[in-house]
Amino acid sequence: MSEPVVAQKSPIEFEVKEGRSYWWCSCGKSANQPFCDGSHKDTDFTPVQYEAKRTRTVYFCACKKSENSPLCDGTHNDL
């Protein structure tokens, strides 16, 4: 598997908490999008750590094509 699965063509809104780490799914196979559930084990992909510097709402990429991963950069609009 050299290309990630497009989980959905829109970002996933999520409120992160200051000081917490989140592990973003980069393969697109997780059933717990946008977070890793270990489904990447049979791929070359690894989860990406996101550390919240402050409590706020962020938009995690779900198309897995963002140049700003794990956050959405609007790339899904071109798919």
C-alpha atoms as a PDB file:
ATOM      1  CA  MET A   1       0.000   0.000   0.000  1.00  0.00           C
ATOM      2  CA  SER A   2       1.783   3.111  -1.212  1.00  0.00           C
ATOM      3  CA  GLU A   3      -1.159   5.539  -1.212  1.00  0.00           C
ATOM      4  CA  PRO A   4      -3.305   6.212   1.842  1.00  0.00           C
ATOM      5  CA  VAL A   5      -7.025   5.428   1.829  1.00  0.00           C
ATOM      6  CA  VAL A   6      -9.174   8.562   1.615  1.00  0.00           C
ATOM      7  CA  ALA A   7     -11.246   8.217   4.796  1.00  0.00           C
ATOM      8  CA  GLN A   8     -13.522  11.114   3.769  1.00  0.00           C
ATOM      9  CA  LYS A   9     -13.371  14.245   1.612  1.00  0.00           C
ATOM     10  CA  SER A  10     -13.810  16.735   4.425  1.00  0.00           C
ATOM     11  CA  PRO A  11     -11.861  17.514   7.601  1.00  0.00           C
ATOM     12  CA  ILE A  12     -12.776  16.171  11.025  1.00  0.00           C
ATOM     13  CA  GLU A  13     -13.422  18.857  13.628  1.00  0.00           C
ATOM     14  CA  PHE A  14     -12.073  17.995  17.073  1.00  0.00           C
ATOM     15  CA  GLU A  15     -11.415  19.908  20.284  1.00  0.00           C
ATOM     16  CA  VAL A  16      -7.876  19.177  21.476  1.00  0.00           C
ATOM     17  CA  LYS A  17      -6.805  19.730  25.058  1.00  0.00           C
ATOM     18  CA  GLU A  18      -3.641  21.624  25.986  1.00  0.00           C
ATOM     19  CA  GLY A  19      -0.708  19.351  26.793  1.00  0.00           C
ATOM     20  CA  ARG A  20      -2.269  16.190  25.328  1.00  0.00           C
ATOM     21  CA  SER A  21      -0.863  14.155  22.443  1.00  0.00           C
ATOM     22  CA  TYR A  22      -3.029  12.760  19.660  1.00  0.00           C
ATOM     23  CA  TRP A  23      -1.966  10.143  17.127  1.00  0.00           C
ATOM     24  CA  TRP A  24      -3.351  10.905  13.673  1.00  0.00           C
ATOM     25  CA  CYS A  25      -4.005   8.026  11.276  1.00  0.00           C
ATOM     26  CA  SER A  26      -1.878   8.520   8.152  1.00  0.00           C
ATOM     27  CA  CYS A  27      -2.946   5.336   6.310  1.00  0.00           C
ATOM     28  CA  GLY A  28      -6.681   6.076   6.247  1.00  0.00           C
ATOM     29  CA  LYS A  29      -7.619   2.556   7.358  1.00  0.00           C
ATOM     30  CA  SER A  30      -8.459   3.304  10.999  1.00  0.00           C
ATOM     31  CA  ALA A  31     -12.061   2.752  12.089  1.00  0.00           C
ATOM     32  CA  ASN A  32     -11.470   5.515  14.665  1.00  0.00           C
ATOM     33  CA  GLN A  33     -10.810   8.423  12.264  1.00  0.00           C
ATOM     34  CA  PRO A  34      -8.951  10.696  12.442  1.00  0.00           C
ATOM     35  CA  PHE A  35      -6.989   8.772  15.051  1.00  0.00           C
ATOM     36  CA  CYS A  36      -4.849   5.668  14.755  1.00  0.00           C
ATOM     37  CA  ASP A  37      -6.270   2.295  15.816  1.00  0.00           C
ATOM     38  CA  GLY A  38      -3.308   0.193  14.671  1.00  0.00           C
ATOM     39  CA  SER A  39      -4.730  -0.639  11.225  1.00  0.00           C
ATOM     40  CA  HIS A  40      -1.488   0.579   9.597  1.00  0.00           C
ATOM     41  CA  LYS A  41       0.383  -2.529  10.780  1.00  0.00           C
ATOM     42  CA  ASP A  42       0.222  -4.139   7.310  1.00  0.00           C
ATOM     43  CA  THR A  43       1.332  -0.937   5.532  1.00  0.00           C
ATOM     44  CA  ASP A  44       4.367   1.342   5.256  1.00  0.00           C
ATOM     45  CA  PHE A  45       2.483   4.113   7.079  1.00  0.00           C
ATOM     46  CA  THR A  46       2.968   5.223  10.675  1.00  0.00           C
ATOM     47  CA  PRO A  47       0.767   7.467  12.823  1.00  0.00           C
ATOM     48  CA  VAL A  48       1.682  11.135  13.205  1.00  0.00           C
ATOM     49  CA  GLN A  49       1.838  12.706  16.654  1.00  0.00           C
ATOM     50  CA  TYR A  50       0.008  15.972  17.204  1.00  0.00           C
ATOM     51  CA  GLU A  51       0.723  17.746  20.480  1.00  0.00           C
ATOM     52  CA  ALA A  52      -1.824  20.362  21.522  1.00  0.00           C
ATOM     53  CA  LYS A  53      -0.123  23.578  22.609  1.00  0.00           C
ATOM     54  CA  ARG A  54      -3.461  24.961  23.801  1.00  0.00           C
ATOM     55  CA  THR A  55      -7.083  23.882  24.110  1.00  0.00           C
ATOM     56  CA  ARG A  56      -8.880  24.723  20.868  1.00  0.00           C
ATOM     57  CA  THR A  57     -10.798  23.303  17.940  1.00  0.00           C
ATOM     58  CA  VAL A  58      -8.671  21.924  15.108  1.00  0.00           C
ATOM     59  CA  TYR A  59      -9.562  20.321  11.792  1.00  0.00           C
ATOM     60  CA  PHE A  60      -7.749  17.037  11.202  1.00  0.00           C
ATOM     61  CA  CYS A  61      -7.197  15.940   7.614  1.00  0.00           C
ATOM     62  CA  ALA A  62      -9.339  12.951   6.627  1.00  0.00           C
ATOM     63  CA  CYS A  63      -8.384  12.751   2.944  1.00  0.00           C
ATOM     64  CA  LYS A  64      -4.771  11.974   4.005  1.00  0.00           C
ATOM     65  CA  LYS A  65      -3.361  14.236   1.271  1.00  0.00           C
ATOM     66  CA  SER A  66      -2.766  17.467   3.245  1.00  0.00           C
ATOM     67  CA  GLU A  67       0.641  19.125   2.936  1.00  0.00           C
ATOM     68  CA  ASN A  68       0.038  20.318   6.512  1.00  0.00           C
ATOM     69  CA  SER A  69      -0.757  16.928   8.047  1.00  0.00           C
ATOM     70  CA  PRO A  70      -2.167  16.079  10.425  1.00  0.00           C
ATOM     71  CA  LEU A  71      -4.215  19.252   9.956  1.00  0.00           C
ATOM     72  CA  CYS A  72      -6.405  19.999   6.950  1.00  0.00           C
ATOM     73  CA  ASP A  73      -5.111  22.387   4.297  1.00  0.00           C
ATOM     74  CA  GLY A  74      -8.107  22.163   1.932  1.00  0.00           C
ATOM     75  CA  THR A  75      -6.570  19.596  -0.423  1.00  0.00           C
ATOM     76  CA  HIS A  76      -9.777  17.536  -0.226  1.00  0.00           C
ATOM     77  CA  ASN A  77     -11.465  20.231  -2.364  1.00  0.00           C
ATOM     78  CA  ASP A  78      -9.325  19.135  -5.322  1.00  0.00           C
ATOM     79  CA  LEU A  79     -10.047  15.387  -5.064  1.00  0.00           C
END
